[in-house]
Amino acid sequence: MPISTAPYKREYRHTKSRGGEQMVTCDSCGRQVPRYKTFTKVRGFSLGDPYLMRQIDRRMVHLMRREERFCPSCARSRGISQPGKSVRKKYEGRA
């Protein structure tokens, strides 16, 4: 077992059989990142007032949902992806 590895797992799944990966713009900083490296978060809008929902027909209300993509550095700074402990930190507490 290696002494230190990356504190997070990054999967590399191809979306197509050949060629380069699709580049996506980070919604936070605007950096161009390959799509497989991004972290997605779904943001939505909800009406939480029950009195308001009784008066309005639900078919007339459109609650938007948007999928946002963040690069690894922005995802870590915003707390979307939380890196786990590295192997070295795990074994320090045992001794």
Protein backbone atom coordinates (compact mmCIF):
# COMPACT_ATOMS: atom_id res chain seq x y z
CA MET A 1 0.00 0.00 0.00
CA PRO A 2 1.42 3.40 -0.89
CA ILE A 3 2.11 5.84 1.90
CA SER A 4 0.15 8.74 0.44
CA THR A 5 -2.53 8.86 -2.22
CA ALA A 6 -4.90 11.54 -3.45
CA PRO A 7 -7.50 12.45 -0.82
CA TYR A 8 -10.36 12.08 -3.33
CA LYS A 9 -11.26 9.61 -6.05
CA ARG A 10 -11.57 10.82 -9.62
CA GLU A 11 -13.25 8.49 -12.08
CA TYR A 12 -12.38 8.60 -15.74
CA ARG A 13 -15.42 7.51 -17.72
CA HIS A 14 -15.45 8.20 -21.43
CA THR A 15 -18.69 9.52 -22.80
CA LYS A 16 -17.84 8.52 -26.37
CA SER A 17 -15.74 5.78 -27.89
CA ARG A 18 -12.99 7.97 -29.40
CA GLY A 19 -11.77 11.52 -29.46
CA GLY A 20 -11.36 14.24 -26.88
CA GLU A 21 -13.72 14.81 -24.00
CA GLN A 22 -16.28 17.59 -24.19
CA MET A 23 -15.10 20.81 -22.55
CA VAL A 24 -17.50 22.50 -20.11
CA THR A 25 -17.33 25.95 -18.57
CA CYS A 26 -17.22 26.12 -14.77
CA ASP A 27 -20.24 28.07 -13.50
CA SER A 28 -18.21 29.68 -10.73
CA CYS A 29 -14.89 30.80 -12.22
CA GLY A 30 -15.43 30.31 -15.97
CA ARG A 31 -12.55 27.87 -16.43
CA GLN A 32 -12.74 25.37 -19.30
CA VAL A 33 -12.65 21.86 -17.80
CA PRO A 34 -13.23 18.39 -19.30
CA ARG A 35 -16.73 17.21 -18.47
CA TYR A 36 -15.63 14.11 -16.55
CA LYS A 37 -13.67 16.26 -14.08
CA THR A 38 -16.59 18.47 -13.12
CA PHE A 39 -18.82 18.13 -10.07
CA THR A 40 -22.52 18.72 -10.68
CA LYS A 41 -25.01 20.32 -8.34
CA VAL A 42 -28.71 20.78 -9.05
CA ARG A 43 -30.16 24.09 -7.97
CA GLY A 44 -33.85 24.67 -7.85
CA PHE A 45 -36.51 27.03 -6.70
CA SER A 46 -39.31 26.09 -4.31
CA LEU A 47 -42.30 27.83 -2.83
CA GLY A 48 -42.32 26.89 0.84
CA ASP A 49 -45.37 28.87 1.92
CA PRO A 50 -48.35 26.46 2.21
CA TYR A 51 -50.86 29.32 2.26
CA LEU A 52 -49.56 30.58 -1.09
CA MET A 53 -49.58 27.10 -2.61
CA ARG A 54 -53.28 26.63 -1.73
CA GLN A 55 -54.23 29.75 -3.66
CA ILE A 56 -52.16 29.08 -6.79
CA ASP A 57 -52.75 26.24 -9.20
CA ARG A 58 -49.62 24.06 -9.32
CA ARG A 59 -49.89 23.58 -13.08
CA MET A 60 -49.44 27.33 -13.57
CA VAL A 61 -46.23 27.54 -11.54
CA HIS A 62 -42.94 26.57 -13.18
CA LEU A 63 -40.25 25.78 -10.62
CA MET A 64 -36.96 25.96 -12.47
CA ARG A 65 -34.25 23.39 -11.93
CA ARG A 66 -30.74 24.00 -13.20
CA GLU A 67 -27.71 21.72 -13.22
CA GLU A 68 -24.52 23.61 -12.41
CA ARG A 69 -21.05 22.27 -13.11
CA PHE A 70 -18.01 23.20 -11.04
CA CYS A 71 -14.30 22.58 -11.61
CA PRO A 72 -12.47 20.59 -8.86
CA SER A 73 -10.95 23.67 -7.20
CA CYS A 74 -14.26 25.56 -7.01
CA ALA A 75 -16.08 22.42 -5.80
CA ARG A 76 -13.60 22.04 -2.94
CA SER A 77 -13.79 25.71 -1.96
CA ARG A 78 -17.62 25.69 -2.01
CA GLY A 79 -17.85 22.42 -0.06
CA ILE A 80 -19.52 20.42 -2.84
CA SER A 81 -16.80 17.77 -2.87
CA GLN A 82 -15.21 17.02 0.46
CA PRO A 83 -11.89 15.22 0.16
CA GLY A 84 -11.37 12.35 2.57
CA LYS A 85 -8.27 11.75 4.64
CA SER A 86 -5.15 10.54 2.89
CA VAL A 87 -3.58 7.23 3.84
CA ARG A 88 -0.84 8.91 5.88
CA LYS A 89 -3.34 10.79 8.05
CA LYS A 90 -5.36 7.62 8.65
CA TYR A 91 -2.35 5.72 10.01
CA GLU A 92 -1.09 8.58 12.20
CA GLY A 93 -4.01 8.21 14.62
CA ARG A 94 -3.49 4.46 15.11
CA ALA A 95 0.00 4.62 16.61
